[in-house]
C-alpha atoms as a PDB file:
ATOM      1  CA  UNK A   1     -94.097 116.263 215.035  1.00  0.00           C
ATOM      2  CA  UNK A   2     -92.208 113.086 214.188  1.00  0.00           C
ATOM      3  CA  UNK A   3     -94.498 110.985 216.377  1.00  0.00           C
ATOM      4  CA  UNK A   4     -97.567 112.509 214.702  1.00  0.00           C
ATOM      5  CA  UNK A   5     -96.077 111.688 211.264  1.00  0.00           C
ATOM      6  CA  UNK A   6     -95.392 108.123 212.305  1.00  0.00           C
ATOM      7  CA  UNK A   7     -98.928 107.783 213.677  1.00  0.00           C
ATOM      8  CA  UNK A   8    -100.382 109.170 210.442  1.00  0.00           C
ATOM      9  CA  UNK A   9     -98.219 106.914 208.285  1.00  0.00           C
ATOM     10  CA  UNK A  10     -99.148 103.932 210.410  1.00  0.00           C
ATOM     11  CA  UNK A  11    -102.840 104.756 210.147  1.00  0.00           C
ATOM     12  CA  UNK A  12    -102.604 105.231 206.409  1.00  0.00           C
ATOM     13  CA  UNK A  13    -100.725 101.937 205.984  1.00  0.00           C
ATOM     14  CA  UNK A  14    -103.282 100.079 208.111  1.00  0.00           C
ATOM     15  CA  UNK A  15    -106.202 101.513 206.103  1.00  0.00           C
ATOM     16  CA  UNK A  16    -104.433 100.592 202.820  1.00  0.00           C
ATOM     17  CA  UNK A  17    -103.894  97.030 203.995  1.00  0.00           C
ATOM     18  CA  UNK A  18    -107.519  96.688 205.017  1.00  0.00           C
ATOM     19  CA  UNK A  19    -108.505  97.549 201.448  1.00  0.00           C
ATOM     20  CA  UNK A  20    -106.255  94.963 199.831  1.00  0.00           C
ATOM     21  CA  UNK A  21    -107.942  92.041 198.149  1.00  0.00           C
ATOM     22  CA  UNK A  22    -107.655  88.540 199.598  1.00  0.00           C
ATOM     23  CA  UNK A  23    -105.467  87.545 196.727  1.00  0.00           C
ATOM     24  CA  UNK A  24    -103.089  90.419 197.383  1.00  0.00           C
ATOM     25  CA  UNK A  25    -102.857  89.619 201.087  1.00  0.00           C
ATOM     26  CA  UNK A  26    -102.308  85.933 200.277  1.00  0.00           C
ATOM     27  CA  UNK A  27     -99.490  86.689 197.857  1.00  0.00           C
ATOM     28  CA  UNK A  28     -97.827  89.053 200.291  1.00  0.00           C
ATOM     29  CA  UNK A  29     -98.017  86.497 203.027  1.00  0.00           C
ATOM     30  CA  UNK A  30     -96.661  83.823 200.742  1.00  0.00           C
ATOM     31  CA  UNK A  31     -93.766  86.069 199.672  1.00  0.00           C
ATOM     32  CA  UNK A  32     -92.887  86.764 203.280  1.00  0.00           C
ATOM     33  CA  UNK A  33     -92.769  83.029 204.049  1.00  0.00           C
ATOM     34  CA  UNK A  34     -90.612  82.350 201.035  1.00  0.00           C
ATOM     35  CA  UNK A  35     -88.112  85.009 202.150  1.00  0.00           C
ATOM     36  CA  UNK A  36     -87.971  83.551 205.660  1.00  0.00           C
ATOM     37  CA  UNK A  37     -87.582  80.001 204.258  1.00  0.00           C
ATOM     38  CA  UNK A  38     -90.693  78.818 206.013  1.00  0.00           C
ATOM     39  CA  UNK A  39     -92.706  78.080 202.875  1.00  0.00           C
ATOM     40  CA  UNK A  40     -92.246  75.663 200.007  1.00  0.00           C
ATOM     41  CA  UNK A  41     -93.412  75.838 196.385  1.00  0.00           C
ATOM     42  CA  UNK A  42     -96.003  73.112 197.123  1.00  0.00           C
ATOM     43  CA  UNK A  43     -97.614  75.146 199.893  1.00  0.00           C
ATOM     44  CA  UNK A  44    -101.345  75.539 199.473  1.00  0.00           C
ATOM     45  CA  UNK A  45    -102.139  79.168 198.589  1.00  0.00           C
ATOM     46  CA  UNK A  46    -105.823  78.574 199.409  1.00  0.00           C
ATOM     47  CA  UNK A  47    -104.842  78.013 203.026  1.00  0.00           C
ATOM     48  CA  UNK A  48    -103.123  81.428 203.034  1.00  0.00           C
ATOM     49  CA  UNK A  49    -106.174  83.008 201.460  1.00  0.00           C
ATOM     50  CA  UNK A  50    -108.405  81.479 204.137  1.00  0.00           C
ATOM     51  CA  UNK A  51    -106.172  82.909 206.876  1.00  0.00           C
ATOM     52  CA  UNK A  52    -106.246  86.343 205.206  1.00  0.00           C
ATOM     53  CA  UNK A  53    -110.039  86.112 204.889  1.00  0.00           C
ATOM     54  CA  UNK A  54    -110.376  85.580 208.644  1.00  0.00           C
ATOM     55  CA  UNK A  55    -108.449  88.795 209.246  1.00  0.00           C
ATOM     56  CA  UNK A  56    -110.607  90.781 206.827  1.00  0.00           C
ATOM     57  CA  UNK A  57    -113.775  89.387 208.403  1.00  0.00           C
ATOM     58  CA  UNK A  58    -112.470  90.443 211.822  1.00  0.00           C
ATOM     59  CA  UNK A  59    -111.794  93.978 210.523  1.00  0.00           C
ATOM     60  CA  UNK A  60    -115.320  94.158 209.073  1.00  0.00           C
ATOM     61  CA  UNK A  61    -116.978  92.985 212.294  1.00  0.00           C
ATOM     62  CA  UNK A  62    -114.922  95.368 214.386  1.00  0.00           C
ATOM     63  CA  UNK A  63    -115.777  98.243 212.050  1.00  0.00           C
ATOM     64  CA  UNK A  64    -119.515  97.375 212.060  1.00  0.00           C
ATOM     65  CA  UNK A  65    -119.517  97.247 215.858  1.00  0.00           C
ATOM     66  CA  UNK A  66    -117.810 100.655 216.155  1.00  0.00           C
ATOM     67  CA  UNK A  67    -120.110 102.071 213.416  1.00  0.00           C
ATOM     68  CA  UNK A  68    -123.256 100.857 215.245  1.00  0.00           C
ATOM     69  CA  UNK A  69    -121.996 102.126 218.563  1.00  0.00           C
ATOM     70  CA  UNK A  70    -121.185 105.617 217.255  1.00  0.00           C
ATOM     71  CA  UNK A  71    -124.539 105.951 215.502  1.00  0.00           C
ATOM     72  CA  UNK A  72    -126.567 105.357 218.665  1.00  0.00           C
ATOM     73  CA  UNK A  73    -128.231 108.685 219.422  1.00  0.00           C
ATOM     74  CA  UNK A  74    -131.309 109.858 221.270  1.00  0.00           C
ATOM     75  CA  UNK A  75    -134.424 110.550 219.346  1.00  0.00           C
ATOM     76  CA  UNK A  76    -135.462 114.187 218.902  1.00  0.00           C
ATOM     77  CA  UNK A  77    -138.844 115.530 219.757  1.00  0.00           C
ATOM     78  CA  UNK A  78    -140.052 115.310 216.166  1.00  0.00           C
ATOM     79  CA  UNK A  79    -139.103 111.599 215.933  1.00  0.00           C
ATOM     80  CA  UNK A  80    -140.688 110.809 219.274  1.00  0.00           C
ATOM     81  CA  UNK A  81    -143.882 112.716 218.397  1.00  0.00           C
ATOM     82  CA  UNK A  82    -144.224 110.667 215.257  1.00  0.00           C
ATOM     83  CA  UNK A  83    -143.676 107.317 216.989  1.00  0.00           C
ATOM     84  CA  UNK A  84    -145.950 108.195 219.926  1.00  0.00           C
ATOM     85  CA  UNK A  85    -148.785 109.099 217.497  1.00  0.00           C
ATOM     86  CA  UNK A  86    -148.385 105.755 215.765  1.00  0.00           C
ATOM     87  CA  UNK A  87    -148.156 103.854 219.091  1.00  0.00           C
ATOM     88  CA  UNK A  88    -151.293 105.488 220.476  1.00  0.00           C
ATOM     89  CA  UNK A  89    -153.185 104.882 217.206  1.00  0.00           C
ATOM     90  CA  UNK A  90    -152.182 101.195 217.400  1.00  0.00           C
ATOM     91  CA  UNK A  91    -153.353 100.955 221.008  1.00  0.00           C
ATOM     92  CA  UNK A  92    -156.562 102.693 220.117  1.00  0.00           C
ATOM     93  CA  UNK A  93    -157.479 100.626 217.088  1.00  0.00           C
ATOM     94  CA  UNK A  94    -155.590  97.369 217.571  1.00  0.00           C
ATOM     95  CA  UNK A  95    -153.947  97.894 214.169  1.00  0.00           C
ATOM     96  CA  UNK A  96    -150.278  97.888 215.132  1.00  0.00           C
ATOM     97  CA  UNK A  97    -147.634  98.402 212.482  1.00  0.00           C
ATOM     98  CA  UNK A  98    -144.344  96.562 212.490  1.00  0.00           C
ATOM     99  CA  UNK A  99    -141.107  98.452 213.165  1.00  0.00           C
ATOM    100  CA  UNK A 100    -139.721  97.564 209.773  1.00  0.00           C
ATOM    101  CA  UNK A 101    -142.797  99.058 208.070  1.00  0.00           C
ATOM    102  CA  UNK A 102    -142.631 102.256 210.112  1.00  0.00           C
ATOM    103  CA  UNK A 103    -138.934 102.553 209.335  1.00  0.00           C
ATOM    104  CA  UNK A 104    -139.795 102.715 205.595  1.00  0.00           C
ATOM    105  CA  UNK A 105    -142.506 105.263 206.162  1.00  0.00           C
ATOM    106  CA  UNK A 106    -140.153 107.678 207.846  1.00  0.00           C
ATOM    107  CA  UNK A 107    -138.525 108.218 204.431  1.00  0.00           C
ATOM    108  CA  UNK A 108    -141.850 109.306 202.919  1.00  0.00           C
ATOM    109  CA  UNK A 109    -143.647 110.965 205.855  1.00  0.00           C
ATOM    110  CA  UNK A 110    -144.703 114.496 205.202  1.00  0.00           C
ATOM    111  CA  UNK A 111    -145.733 117.661 207.044  1.00  0.00           C
ATOM    112  CA  UNK A 112    -149.120 119.196 206.592  1.00  0.00           C
ATOM    113  CA  UNK A 113    -147.738 121.478 203.822  1.00  0.00           C
ATOM    114  CA  UNK A 114    -146.535 118.442 201.907  1.00  0.00           C
ATOM    115  CA  UNK A 115    -142.823 118.874 202.733  1.00  0.00           C
ATOM    116  CA  UNK A 116    -140.806 115.934 203.913  1.00  0.00           C
ATOM    117  CA  UNK A 117    -141.114 115.415 207.710  1.00  0.00           C
ATOM    118  CA  UNK A 118    -137.665 113.906 208.173  1.00  0.00           C
ATOM    119  CA  UNK A 119    -134.284 114.700 206.711  1.00  0.00           C
ATOM    120  CA  UNK A 120    -132.047 111.792 205.721  1.00  0.00           C
ATOM    121  CA  UNK A 121    -130.122 112.025 208.966  1.00  0.00           C
ATOM    122  CA  UNK A 122    -133.383 111.612 210.905  1.00  0.00           C
ATOM    123  CA  UNK A 123    -134.566 108.348 209.304  1.00  0.00           C
ATOM    124  CA  UNK A 124    -135.438 105.784 211.986  1.00  0.00           C
ATOM    125  CA  UNK A 125    -134.164 102.206 211.934  1.00  0.00           C
ATOM    126  CA  UNK A 126    -136.397  99.312 212.906  1.00  0.00           C
ATOM    127  CA  UNK A 127    -134.194  98.713 215.940  1.00  0.00           C
ATOM    128  CA  UNK A 128    -134.720 102.270 217.215  1.00  0.00           C
ATOM    129  CA  UNK A 129    -138.472 101.992 216.714  1.00  0.00           C
ATOM    130  CA  UNK A 130    -138.805  98.630 218.337  1.00  0.00           C
ATOM    131  CA  UNK A 131    -136.800  99.834 221.327  1.00  0.00           C
ATOM    132  CA  UNK A 132    -138.915 102.940 221.793  1.00  0.00           C
ATOM    133  CA  UNK A 133    -142.193 101.030 221.383  1.00  0.00           C
ATOM    134  CA  UNK A 134    -140.962  98.507 223.875  1.00  0.00           C
ATOM    135  CA  UNK A 135    -140.405 101.208 226.482  1.00  0.00           C
ATOM    136  CA  UNK A 136    -143.876 102.632 225.868  1.00  0.00           C
ATOM    137  CA  UNK A 137    -145.588  99.242 225.977  1.00  0.00           C
ATOM    138  CA  UNK A 138    -143.804  98.226 229.201  1.00  0.00           C
ATOM    139  CA  UNK A 139    -145.384 101.033 231.155  1.00  0.00           C
ATOM    140  CA  UNK A 140    -148.459 102.343 229.403  1.00  0.00           C
ATOM    141  CA  UNK A 141    -151.476 102.525 231.781  1.00  0.00           C
ATOM    142  CA  UNK A 142    -151.732 106.310 231.610  1.00  0.00           C
ATOM    143  CA  UNK A 143    -150.620 106.908 227.998  1.00  0.00           C
ATOM    144  CA  UNK A 144    -154.036 107.951 226.694  1.00  0.00           C
ATOM    145  CA  UNK A 145    -154.413 110.652 229.347  1.00  0.00           C
ATOM    146  CA  UNK A 146    -151.226 112.429 228.329  1.00  0.00           C
ATOM    147  CA  UNK A 147    -150.540 114.694 225.389  1.00  0.00           C
ATOM    148  CA  UNK A 148    -147.970 113.825 222.717  1.00  0.00           C
ATOM    149  CA  UNK A 149    -145.938 116.910 223.670  1.00  0.00           C
ATOM    150  CA  UNK A 150    -145.710 115.701 227.263  1.00  0.00           C
ATOM    151  CA  UNK A 151    -144.465 112.306 226.259  1.00  0.00           C
ATOM    152  CA  UNK A 152    -142.000 113.784 223.754  1.00  0.00           C
ATOM    153  CA  UNK A 153    -140.284 115.830 226.440  1.00  0.00           C
ATOM    154  CA  UNK A 154    -137.119 113.864 227.190  1.00  0.00           C
ATOM    155  CA  UNK A 155    -136.988 114.347 230.971  1.00  0.00           C
ATOM    156  CA  UNK A 156    -140.766 113.927 231.388  1.00  0.00           C
ATOM    157  CA  UNK A 157    -140.762 110.863 229.136  1.00  0.00           C
ATOM    158  CA  UNK A 158    -137.986 109.175 231.053  1.00  0.00           C
ATOM    159  CA  UNK A 159    -139.551 109.898 234.416  1.00  0.00           C
ATOM    160  CA  UNK A 160    -143.008 108.854 233.243  1.00  0.00           C
ATOM    161  CA  UNK A 161    -141.890 105.548 231.712  1.00  0.00           C
ATOM    162  CA  UNK A 162    -140.120 104.583 234.890  1.00  0.00           C
ATOM    163  CA  UNK A 163    -143.004 105.602 237.131  1.00  0.00           C
ATOM    164  CA  UNK A 164    -146.094 104.378 235.275  1.00  0.00           C
ATOM    165  CA  UNK A 165    -148.100 101.502 236.694  1.00  0.00           C
ATOM    166  CA  UNK A 166    -148.454  98.231 234.816  1.00  0.00           C
ATOM    167  CA  UNK A 167    -152.178  98.238 234.250  1.00  0.00           C
ATOM    168  CA  UNK A 168    -153.041  97.147 230.704  1.00  0.00           C
ATOM    169  CA  UNK A 169    -155.243  99.052 228.257  1.00  0.00           C
ATOM    170  CA  UNK A 170    -156.978  95.986 226.792  1.00  0.00           C
ATOM    171  CA  UNK A 171    -160.447  96.856 228.189  1.00  0.00           C
ATOM    172  CA  UNK A 172    -160.105 100.466 227.296  1.00  0.00           C
ATOM    173  CA  UNK A 173    -159.017  99.631 223.755  1.00  0.00           C
ATOM    174  CA  UNK A 174    -161.972  97.289 223.405  1.00  0.00           C
ATOM    175  CA  UNK A 175    -164.412  99.969 224.585  1.00  0.00           C
ATOM    176  CA  UNK A 176    -162.994 102.430 222.046  1.00  0.00           C
ATOM    177  CA  UNK A 177    -163.196  99.830 219.308  1.00  0.00           C
ATOM    178  CA  UNK A 178    -166.832  99.172 220.103  1.00  0.00           C
ATOM    179  CA  UNK A 179    -167.662 102.861 219.625  1.00  0.00           C
ATOM    180  CA  UNK A 180    -166.033 102.981 216.235  1.00  0.00           C
ATOM    181  CA  UNK A 181    -167.365 101.544 212.994  1.00  0.00           C
ATOM    182  CA  UNK A 182    -165.351  98.969 211.093  1.00  0.00           C
ATOM    183  CA  UNK A 183    -164.228 101.508 208.545  1.00  0.00           C
ATOM    184  CA  UNK A 184    -162.814 103.934 211.046  1.00  0.00           C
ATOM    185  CA  UNK A 185    -160.545 105.489 211.874  1.00  0.00           C
ATOM    186  CA  UNK A 186    -158.883 106.089 208.573  1.00  0.00           C
ATOM    187  CA  UNK A 187    -155.182 106.576 208.884  1.00  0.00           C
ATOM    188  CA  UNK A 188    -152.610 108.148 206.606  1.00  0.00           C
ATOM    189  CA  UNK A 189    -149.023 108.104 207.803  1.00  0.00           C
ATOM    190  CA  UNK A 190    -149.356 109.378 211.372  1.00  0.00           C
ATOM    191  CA  UNK A 191    -152.525 111.387 210.682  1.00  0.00           C
ATOM    192  CA  UNK A 192    -156.003 110.264 211.878  1.00  0.00           C
ATOM    193  CA  UNK A 193    -158.016 111.440 208.896  1.00  0.00           C
ATOM    194  CA  UNK A 194    -161.388 110.767 210.622  1.00  0.00           C
ATOM    195  CA  UNK A 195    -160.482 112.904 213.621  1.00  0.00           C
ATOM    196  CA  UNK A 196    -159.119 115.678 211.385  1.00  0.00           C
ATOM    197  CA  UNK A 197    -162.270 115.644 209.237  1.00  0.00           C
ATOM    198  CA  UNK A 198    -164.540 115.628 212.325  1.00  0.00           C
ATOM    199  CA  UNK A 199    -162.831 118.739 213.647  1.00  0.00           C
ATOM    200  CA  UNK A 200    -162.966 120.448 210.228  1.00  0.00           C
ATOM    201  CA  UNK A 201    -159.155 120.707 209.997  1.00  0.00           C
ATOM    202  CA  UNK A 202    -158.668 119.074 206.550  1.00  0.00           C
ATOM    203  CA  UNK A 203    -158.131 122.552 205.079  1.00  0.00           C
ATOM    204  CA  UNK A 204    -154.828 122.856 206.972  1.00  0.00           C
ATOM    205  CA  UNK A 205    -153.305 120.421 204.466  1.00  0.00           C
ATOM    206  CA  UNK A 206    -151.749 121.800 201.312  1.00  0.00           C
ATOM    207  CA  UNK A 207    -153.186 120.837 197.867  1.00  0.00           C
ATOM    208  CA  UNK A 208    -150.171 118.554 197.243  1.00  0.00           C
ATOM    209  CA  UNK A 209    -150.785 116.780 200.578  1.00  0.00           C
ATOM    210  CA  UNK A 210    -154.505 116.377 199.876  1.00  0.00           C
ATOM    211  CA  UNK A 211    -153.683 114.910 196.447  1.00  0.00           C
ATOM    212  CA  UNK A 212    -151.160 112.598 198.111  1.00  0.00           C
ATOM    213  CA  UNK A 213    -153.892 111.390 200.490  1.00  0.00           C
ATOM    214  CA  UNK A 214    -156.312 110.866 197.659  1.00  0.00           C
ATOM    215  CA  UNK A 215    -153.708 108.969 195.717  1.00  0.00           C
ATOM    216  CA  UNK A 216    -152.932 106.752 198.697  1.00  0.00           C
ATOM    217  CA  UNK A 217    -156.625 105.754 199.085  1.00  0.00           C
ATOM    218  CA  UNK A 218    -156.985 105.387 195.318  1.00  0.00           C
ATOM    219  CA  UNK A 219    -159.581 108.220 195.048  1.00  0.00           C
ATOM    220  CA  UNK A 220    -159.987 109.537 191.490  1.00  0.00           C
ATOM    221  CA  UNK A 221    -159.479 113.330 191.392  1.00  0.00           C
ATOM    222  CA  UNK A 222    -159.375 113.644 187.627  1.00  0.00           C
ATOM    223  CA  UNK A 223    -162.874 115.072 187.507  1.00  0.00           C
ATOM    224  CA  UNK A 224    -161.908 118.046 189.673  1.00  0.00           C
ATOM    225  CA  UNK A 225    -161.117 120.895 187.291  1.00  0.00           C
ATOM    226  CA  UNK A 226    -161.878 123.926 189.371  1.00  0.00           C
ATOM    227  CA  UNK A 227    -159.099 126.437 189.848  1.00  0.00           C
ATOM    228  CA  UNK A 228    -159.614 126.402 193.609  1.00  0.00           C
ATOM    229  CA  UNK A 229    -158.994 122.701 194.139  1.00  0.00           C
ATOM    230  CA  UNK A 230    -158.273 122.790 197.880  1.00  0.00           C
ATOM    231  CA  UNK A 231    -161.808 123.493 199.208  1.00  0.00           C
ATOM    232  CA  UNK A 232    -163.240 121.189 196.508  1.00  0.00           C
ATOM    233  CA  UNK A 233    -160.906 118.346 197.546  1.00  0.00           C
ATOM    234  CA  UNK A 234    -161.618 118.713 201.219  1.00  0.00           C
ATOM    235  CA  UNK A 235    -165.331 118.608 200.673  1.00  0.00           C
ATOM    236  CA  UNK A 236    -165.279 115.853 197.998  1.00  0.00           C
ATOM    237  CA  UNK A 237    -163.118 113.469 200.016  1.00  0.00           C
ATOM    238  CA  UNK A 238    -165.864 112.923 202.612  1.00  0.00           C
ATOM    239  CA  UNK A 239    -169.047 113.367 200.633  1.00  0.00           C
END
């Protein structure tokens, strides 16, 4: 019990010292030197502040390293599904988004019913995104032949990424691009609007989500006054 108390007191004291300002640390250091007779009145306090600053910087760097290390965690299926959809879309169209841009979209991405796709604890950093895309890009020759759910499976994904051949998809991407018009496909977040419209699945989106899509593409919906806005919106968007 005594040892535990000492450990707690020691930890509390160390935490308190870390929070002291540079001026406080400098004055404490200066007082200690005066008591030991090792300092004179003319001693430069700025030198003591500099020394204290180095200690605080070390504490911050050490904390940042530990913080980054403890926050490294595997992506869940929902996160991987989202990134895989974006990766495949980029490979298919040649319009590849930067990791920093995707990181921002994870805070606004929504489900089909308009609810937020990710909770705050699931937001992706640009480093996580770049790392995941790097793994996919390194071994990608068969990506287009697999479903998103297959790739999202942790065991399957790891085995697949390590076993895939290194054949590039440049020719295949070019062929796909030649079959598509310049305006297509239209993309919103991770959704391929053209494909969804072609398969008559726009109605699966909620009214709030449809309005969000219209707002994103700067489509004026003020003229739609009908009570049943959902079927009107889905038809009007692609007329």
